[in-house]
Amino acid sequence: MSDLDPAADPAAGTRRDQRKADRRRVILRSAARLFAERGYRGVSMRDLGAAADVSGPAIYRHFASKQDVLVELLVGISERLLEGGRRQVAESGSDREALERLVAAHAEFAVTDTDLIRVQDRDMSMLPPDAAHTVRRLQRSYVEVWVDALRRLDPALPADRARIKAHAAFGLLNSTPYSARSASCGELTDLLTRMTLAALA
């Protein structure tokens, strides 16, 4: 094998892997936008390829089907929210700070990932059963991160009431960005954070 053969160069393999990962992220961002705009049923694999500048059947090198794209979007965001929530709590110096960080992180997600919120609200039913089960399990675990944070601040708060408060907070955070388009992302994130903390108090 020649020293000039790219297969002999570990760096070349790393660059190829990075390009593939970058292309995959572009496809997922494009899919979130198109699914949010048109609905899952209104988008084809050809549409996804065109939006991500991936020609013809090349998109199948990254995803076997449109449903696989939806699975990665919705399972992926559920995993990131849960991991991020646990990290916010672990890095907090107090129970109050843990709740503040949870709210601020979710507010930032709600402002910057409105496409994914819309896709989840509308197209969750299009997931295969095993993926839907995974999403629901991850979401329940994420809710329990909030329940635990709320009950640490108020040990007298029953778990079922804490869940109601957590879901109400998600409703406020996830719905407001649809109608609040005039503010900047930073302003809106700050506003949502303050409103949600006030509601939870």
C-alpha atoms as a PDB file:
ATOM      1  CA  MET A   1       0.000   0.000   0.000  1.00  0.00           C
ATOM      2  CA  SER A   2       1.434   3.375  -0.981  1.00  0.00           C
ATOM      3  CA  ASP A   3       2.210   5.984   1.623  1.00  0.00           C
ATOM      4  CA  LEU A   4       0.127   8.317  -0.529  1.00  0.00           C
ATOM      5  CA  ASP A   5      -2.925   6.080  -0.327  1.00  0.00           C
ATOM      6  CA  PRO A   6      -5.616   7.964   1.687  1.00  0.00           C
ATOM      7  CA  ALA A   7      -6.590   4.667   3.280  1.00  0.00           C
ATOM      8  CA  ALA A   8      -3.157   4.558   4.907  1.00  0.00           C
ATOM      9  CA  ASP A   9      -3.599   8.000   6.435  1.00  0.00           C
ATOM     10  CA  PRO A  10      -5.577   7.975   9.707  1.00  0.00           C
ATOM     11  CA  ALA A  11      -6.098  11.720   9.371  1.00  0.00           C
ATOM     12  CA  ALA A  12      -7.812  11.198   6.010  1.00  0.00           C
ATOM     13  CA  GLY A  13     -10.233   8.769   7.624  1.00  0.00           C
ATOM     14  CA  THR A  14     -10.903  11.230  10.404  1.00  0.00           C
ATOM     15  CA  ARG A  15     -11.609  13.992   7.879  1.00  0.00           C
ATOM     16  CA  ARG A  16     -14.008  11.714   5.980  1.00  0.00           C
ATOM     17  CA  ASP A  17     -15.790  10.819   9.199  1.00  0.00           C
ATOM     18  CA  GLN A  18     -16.053  14.495  10.113  1.00  0.00           C
ATOM     19  CA  ARG A  19     -17.468  15.403   6.704  1.00  0.00           C
ATOM     20  CA  LYS A  20     -20.012  12.595   6.996  1.00  0.00           C
ATOM     21  CA  ALA A  21     -21.017  13.735  10.489  1.00  0.00           C
ATOM     22  CA  ASP A  22     -21.306  17.341   9.299  1.00  0.00           C
ATOM     23  CA  ARG A  23     -23.487  16.281   6.361  1.00  0.00           C
ATOM     24  CA  ARG A  24     -25.674  14.222   8.667  1.00  0.00           C
ATOM     25  CA  ARG A  25     -26.215  17.262  10.909  1.00  0.00           C
ATOM     26  CA  VAL A  26     -27.165  19.370   7.889  1.00  0.00           C
ATOM     27  CA  ILE A  27     -29.707  16.750   6.824  1.00  0.00           C
ATOM     28  CA  LEU A  28     -31.216  16.663  10.314  1.00  0.00           C
ATOM     29  CA  ARG A  29     -31.466  20.472  10.516  1.00  0.00           C
ATOM     30  CA  SER A  30     -33.071  20.572   7.088  1.00  0.00           C
ATOM     31  CA  ALA A  31     -35.473  17.790   8.056  1.00  0.00           C
ATOM     32  CA  ALA A  32     -36.539  19.575  11.247  1.00  0.00           C
ATOM     33  CA  ARG A  33     -37.297  22.722   9.253  1.00  0.00           C
ATOM     34  CA  LEU A  34     -39.185  20.930   6.480  1.00  0.00           C
ATOM     35  CA  PHE A  35     -41.159  18.682   8.830  1.00  0.00           C
ATOM     36  CA  ALA A  36     -42.102  21.754  10.882  1.00  0.00           C
ATOM     37  CA  GLU A  37     -43.219  23.656   7.782  1.00  0.00           C
ATOM     38  CA  ARG A  38     -45.005  20.903   5.859  1.00  0.00           C
ATOM     39  CA  GLY A  39     -45.560  18.058   8.284  1.00  0.00           C
ATOM     40  CA  TYR A  40     -43.862  14.662   8.113  1.00  0.00           C
ATOM     41  CA  ARG A  41     -46.237  13.346   5.442  1.00  0.00           C
ATOM     42  CA  GLY A  42     -45.607  16.367   3.232  1.00  0.00           C
ATOM     43  CA  VAL A  43     -41.856  15.798   2.901  1.00  0.00           C
ATOM     44  CA  SER A  44     -40.069  13.197   0.763  1.00  0.00           C
ATOM     45  CA  MET A  45     -36.531  11.886   0.939  1.00  0.00           C
ATOM     46  CA  ARG A  46     -35.926  13.752  -2.318  1.00  0.00           C
ATOM     47  CA  ASP A  47     -37.024  16.968  -0.558  1.00  0.00           C
ATOM     48  CA  LEU A  48     -34.620  16.274   2.293  1.00  0.00           C
ATOM     49  CA  GLY A  49     -31.758  15.650  -0.082  1.00  0.00           C
ATOM     50  CA  ALA A  50     -32.444  18.843  -2.029  1.00  0.00           C
ATOM     51  CA  ALA A  51     -32.675  20.943   1.142  1.00  0.00           C
ATOM     52  CA  ALA A  52     -29.383  19.537   2.424  1.00  0.00           C
ATOM     53  CA  ASP A  53     -27.709  19.716  -0.997  1.00  0.00           C
ATOM     54  CA  VAL A  54     -27.358  15.934  -1.122  1.00  0.00           C
ATOM     55  CA  SER A  55     -28.059  14.675  -4.616  1.00  0.00           C
ATOM     56  CA  GLY A  56     -30.242  11.713  -5.517  1.00  0.00           C
ATOM     57  CA  PRO A  57     -29.726   8.421  -3.719  1.00  0.00           C
ATOM     58  CA  ALA A  58     -26.688   9.768  -1.814  1.00  0.00           C
ATOM     59  CA  ILE A  59     -28.988  10.676   1.074  1.00  0.00           C
ATOM     60  CA  TYR A  60     -29.518   6.947   1.689  1.00  0.00           C
ATOM     61  CA  ARG A  61     -25.863   6.704   2.695  1.00  0.00           C
ATOM     62  CA  HIS A  62     -26.863   8.638   5.804  1.00  0.00           C
ATOM     63  CA  PHE A  63     -30.421   7.451   6.518  1.00  0.00           C
ATOM     64  CA  ALA A  64     -32.226   4.341   5.319  1.00  0.00           C
ATOM     65  CA  SER A  65     -35.646   6.013   5.327  1.00  0.00           C
ATOM     66  CA  LYS A  66     -37.536   9.174   6.160  1.00  0.00           C
ATOM     67  CA  GLN A  67     -38.795   7.508   9.324  1.00  0.00           C
ATOM     68  CA  ASP A  68     -35.197   6.946  10.441  1.00  0.00           C
ATOM     69  CA  VAL A  69     -34.659  10.703  10.132  1.00  0.00           C
ATOM     70  CA  LEU A  70     -37.701  11.378  12.324  1.00  0.00           C
ATOM     71  CA  VAL A  71     -36.511   8.836  14.880  1.00  0.00           C
ATOM     72  CA  GLU A  72     -33.093  10.457  15.133  1.00  0.00           C
ATOM     73  CA  LEU A  73     -34.649  13.912  15.503  1.00  0.00           C
ATOM     74  CA  LEU A  74     -37.097  13.027  18.273  1.00  0.00           C
ATOM     75  CA  VAL A  75     -35.052  10.457  20.163  1.00  0.00           C
ATOM     76  CA  GLY A  76     -32.027  12.722  19.814  1.00  0.00           C
ATOM     77  CA  ILE A  77     -33.656  15.813  21.294  1.00  0.00           C
ATOM     78  CA  SER A  78     -35.168  13.762  24.145  1.00  0.00           C
ATOM     79  CA  GLU A  79     -31.713  12.385  24.961  1.00  0.00           C
ATOM     80  CA  ARG A  80     -30.123  15.837  24.833  1.00  0.00           C
ATOM     81  CA  LEU A  81     -32.753  17.376  27.096  1.00  0.00           C
ATOM     82  CA  LEU A  82     -32.358  14.617  29.679  1.00  0.00           C
ATOM     83  CA  GLU A  83     -28.560  14.696  29.605  1.00  0.00           C
ATOM     84  CA  GLY A  84     -28.557  18.479  29.726  1.00  0.00           C
ATOM     85  CA  GLY A  85     -31.016  18.574  32.618  1.00  0.00           C
ATOM     86  CA  ARG A  86     -28.960  16.144  34.657  1.00  0.00           C
ATOM     87  CA  ARG A  87     -25.820  18.156  33.911  1.00  0.00           C
ATOM     88  CA  GLN A  88     -27.448  21.426  35.005  1.00  0.00           C
ATOM     89  CA  VAL A  89     -28.381  19.880  38.343  1.00  0.00           C
ATOM     90  CA  ALA A  90     -24.981  18.244  38.839  1.00  0.00           C
ATOM     91  CA  GLU A  91     -23.160  21.527  38.170  1.00  0.00           C
ATOM     92  CA  SER A  92     -25.346  23.593  40.490  1.00  0.00           C
ATOM     93  CA  GLY A  93     -24.171  24.874  43.835  1.00  0.00           C
ATOM     94  CA  SER A  94     -27.601  24.936  45.480  1.00  0.00           C
ATOM     95  CA  ASP A  95     -31.130  23.615  45.050  1.00  0.00           C
ATOM     96  CA  ARG A  96     -32.316  27.037  43.938  1.00  0.00           C
ATOM     97  CA  GLU A  97     -29.574  27.291  41.358  1.00  0.00           C
ATOM     98  CA  ALA A  98     -30.469  23.821  40.053  1.00  0.00           C
ATOM     99  CA  LEU A  99     -34.026  24.905  39.285  1.00  0.00           C
ATOM    100  CA  GLU A 100     -32.882  28.203  37.773  1.00  0.00           C
ATOM    101  CA  ARG A 101     -30.442  26.388  35.504  1.00  0.00           C
ATOM    102  CA  LEU A 102     -33.050  23.831  34.451  1.00  0.00           C
ATOM    103  CA  VAL A 103     -35.482  26.582  33.499  1.00  0.00           C
ATOM    104  CA  ALA A 104     -32.871  28.678  31.681  1.00  0.00           C
ATOM    105  CA  ALA A 105     -31.588  25.692  29.694  1.00  0.00           C
ATOM    106  CA  HIS A 106     -35.083  24.660  28.630  1.00  0.00           C
ATOM    107  CA  ALA A 107     -35.947  28.248  27.734  1.00  0.00           C
ATOM    108  CA  GLU A 108     -32.913  28.397  25.470  1.00  0.00           C
ATOM    109  CA  PHE A 109     -33.974  25.125  23.833  1.00  0.00           C
ATOM    110  CA  ALA A 110     -37.526  26.398  23.334  1.00  0.00           C
ATOM    111  CA  VAL A 111     -36.303  29.582  21.662  1.00  0.00           C
ATOM    112  CA  THR A 112     -33.652  28.004  19.432  1.00  0.00           C
ATOM    113  CA  ASP A 113     -35.332  24.685  18.540  1.00  0.00           C
ATOM    114  CA  THR A 114     -38.917  25.680  17.766  1.00  0.00           C
ATOM    115  CA  ASP A 115     -38.876  23.428  14.688  1.00  0.00           C
ATOM    116  CA  LEU A 116     -38.270  20.361  16.838  1.00  0.00           C
ATOM    117  CA  ILE A 117     -41.020  21.369  19.257  1.00  0.00           C
ATOM    118  CA  ARG A 118     -43.459  21.655  16.361  1.00  0.00           C
ATOM    119  CA  VAL A 119     -42.358  18.331  14.868  1.00  0.00           C
ATOM    120  CA  GLN A 120     -42.751  16.543  18.179  1.00  0.00           C
ATOM    121  CA  ASP A 121     -46.186  18.053  18.808  1.00  0.00           C
ATOM    122  CA  ARG A 122     -47.484  17.083  15.373  1.00  0.00           C
ATOM    123  CA  ASP A 123     -45.567  14.012  14.204  1.00  0.00           C
ATOM    124  CA  MET A 124     -44.831  11.944  17.306  1.00  0.00           C
ATOM    125  CA  SER A 125     -47.504   9.474  16.147  1.00  0.00           C
ATOM    126  CA  MET A 126     -45.429   8.719  13.025  1.00  0.00           C
ATOM    127  CA  LEU A 127     -42.655   7.085  15.061  1.00  0.00           C
ATOM    128  CA  PRO A 128     -42.430   3.287  15.115  1.00  0.00           C
ATOM    129  CA  PRO A 129     -43.609   1.828  18.454  1.00  0.00           C
ATOM    130  CA  ASP A 130     -40.145   1.099  19.846  1.00  0.00           C
ATOM    131  CA  ALA A 131     -38.903   4.625  19.127  1.00  0.00           C
ATOM    132  CA  ALA A 132     -42.085   6.168  20.537  1.00  0.00           C
ATOM    133  CA  HIS A 133     -41.572   4.114  23.701  1.00  0.00           C
ATOM    134  CA  THR A 134     -37.984   5.357  23.944  1.00  0.00           C
ATOM    135  CA  VAL A 135     -39.051   8.983  23.551  1.00  0.00           C
ATOM    136  CA  ARG A 136     -41.744   8.648  26.225  1.00  0.00           C
ATOM    137  CA  ARG A 137     -39.288   6.950  28.608  1.00  0.00           C
ATOM    138  CA  LEU A 138     -36.717   9.705  28.121  1.00  0.00           C
ATOM    139  CA  GLN A 139     -39.362  12.386  28.560  1.00  0.00           C
ATOM    140  CA  ARG A 140     -40.592  10.832  31.800  1.00  0.00           C
ATOM    141  CA  SER A 141     -37.028  10.735  33.097  1.00  0.00           C
ATOM    142  CA  TYR A 142     -36.601  14.406  32.172  1.00  0.00           C
ATOM    143  CA  VAL A 143     -39.792  15.323  34.018  1.00  0.00           C
ATOM    144  CA  GLU A 144     -38.480  13.504  37.097  1.00  0.00           C
ATOM    145  CA  VAL A 145     -35.314  15.634  37.027  1.00  0.00           C
ATOM    146  CA  TRP A 146     -37.583  18.668  37.399  1.00  0.00           C
ATOM    147  CA  VAL A 147     -39.778  16.955  40.000  1.00  0.00           C
ATOM    148  CA  ASP A 148     -36.731  16.183  42.116  1.00  0.00           C
ATOM    149  CA  ALA A 149     -35.466  19.771  41.806  1.00  0.00           C
ATOM    150  CA  LEU A 150     -38.846  21.197  42.815  1.00  0.00           C
ATOM    151  CA  ARG A 151     -39.182  18.878  45.806  1.00  0.00           C
ATOM    152  CA  ARG A 152     -35.677  19.643  47.025  1.00  0.00           C
ATOM    153  CA  LEU A 153     -36.735  23.272  47.243  1.00  0.00           C
ATOM    154  CA  ASP A 154     -40.066  22.354  48.845  1.00  0.00           C
ATOM    155  CA  PRO A 155     -39.895  18.950  50.586  1.00  0.00           C
ATOM    156  CA  ALA A 156     -43.597  19.256  51.510  1.00  0.00           C
ATOM    157  CA  LEU A 157     -44.588  19.353  47.823  1.00  0.00           C
ATOM    158  CA  PRO A 158     -46.166  16.010  46.802  1.00  0.00           C
ATOM    159  CA  ALA A 159     -44.618  14.331  43.771  1.00  0.00           C
ATOM    160  CA  ASP A 160     -47.848  14.445  41.754  1.00  0.00           C
ATOM    161  CA  ARG A 161     -48.160  18.201  42.333  1.00  0.00           C
ATOM    162  CA  ALA A 162     -44.533  18.697  41.369  1.00  0.00           C
ATOM    163  CA  ARG A 163     -45.216  16.881  38.083  1.00  0.00           C
ATOM    164  CA  ILE A 164     -48.161  19.158  37.400  1.00  0.00           C
ATOM    165  CA  LYS A 165     -45.937  22.183  37.982  1.00  0.00           C
ATOM    166  CA  ALA A 166     -43.211  20.761  35.732  1.00  0.00           C
ATOM    167  CA  HIS A 167     -45.623  20.078  32.873  1.00  0.00           C
ATOM    168  CA  ALA A 168     -47.145  23.535  33.267  1.00  0.00           C
ATOM    169  CA  ALA A 169     -43.656  25.030  33.009  1.00  0.00           C
ATOM    170  CA  PHE A 170     -43.006  23.052  29.818  1.00  0.00           C
ATOM    171  CA  GLY A 171     -46.281  24.311  28.390  1.00  0.00           C
ATOM    172  CA  LEU A 172     -45.301  27.918  29.052  1.00  0.00           C
ATOM    173  CA  LEU A 173     -41.786  27.497  27.713  1.00  0.00           C
ATOM    174  CA  ASN A 174     -42.664  25.462  24.627  1.00  0.00           C
ATOM    175  CA  SER A 175     -45.678  27.441  23.432  1.00  0.00           C
ATOM    176  CA  THR A 176     -44.591  31.064  23.840  1.00  0.00           C
ATOM    177  CA  PRO A 177     -41.945  31.142  21.072  1.00  0.00           C
ATOM    178  CA  TYR A 178     -44.657  30.473  18.460  1.00  0.00           C
ATOM    179  CA  SER A 179     -46.182  33.893  19.036  1.00  0.00           C
ATOM    180  CA  ALA A 180     -43.205  35.920  20.303  1.00  0.00           C
ATOM    181  CA  ARG A 181     -41.207  36.609  17.153  1.00  0.00           C
ATOM    182  CA  SER A 182     -40.254  40.253  17.678  1.00  0.00           C
ATOM    183  CA  ALA A 183     -37.793  39.794  20.562  1.00  0.00           C
ATOM    184  CA  SER A 184     -34.217  38.639  20.091  1.00  0.00           C
ATOM    185  CA  CYS A 185     -33.301  35.099  21.156  1.00  0.00           C
ATOM    186  CA  GLY A 186     -31.470  36.388  24.226  1.00  0.00           C
ATOM    187  CA  GLU A 187     -34.317  38.685  25.275  1.00  0.00           C
ATOM    188  CA  LEU A 188     -36.901  35.965  24.782  1.00  0.00           C
ATOM    189  CA  THR A 189     -34.875  33.369  26.668  1.00  0.00           C
ATOM    190  CA  ASP A 190     -34.467  35.756  29.598  1.00  0.00           C
ATOM    191  CA  LEU A 191     -38.167  36.668  29.569  1.00  0.00           C
ATOM    192  CA  LEU A 192     -39.284  33.040  29.475  1.00  0.00           C
ATOM    193  CA  THR A 193     -36.860  32.130  32.261  1.00  0.00           C
ATOM    194  CA  ARG A 194     -38.135  34.884  34.557  1.00  0.00           C
ATOM    195  CA  MET A 195     -41.792  34.140  33.794  1.00  0.00           C
ATOM    196  CA  THR A 196     -41.378  30.411  34.413  1.00  0.00           C
ATOM    197  CA  LEU A 197     -39.489  30.849  37.681  1.00  0.00           C
ATOM    198  CA  ALA A 198     -42.179  33.265  38.851  1.00  0.00           C
ATOM    199  CA  ALA A 199     -44.896  30.756  37.926  1.00  0.00           C
ATOM    200  CA  LEU A 200     -43.133  27.899  39.697  1.00  0.00           C
ATOM    201  CA  ALA A 201     -42.685  30.015  42.823  1.00  0.00           C
END
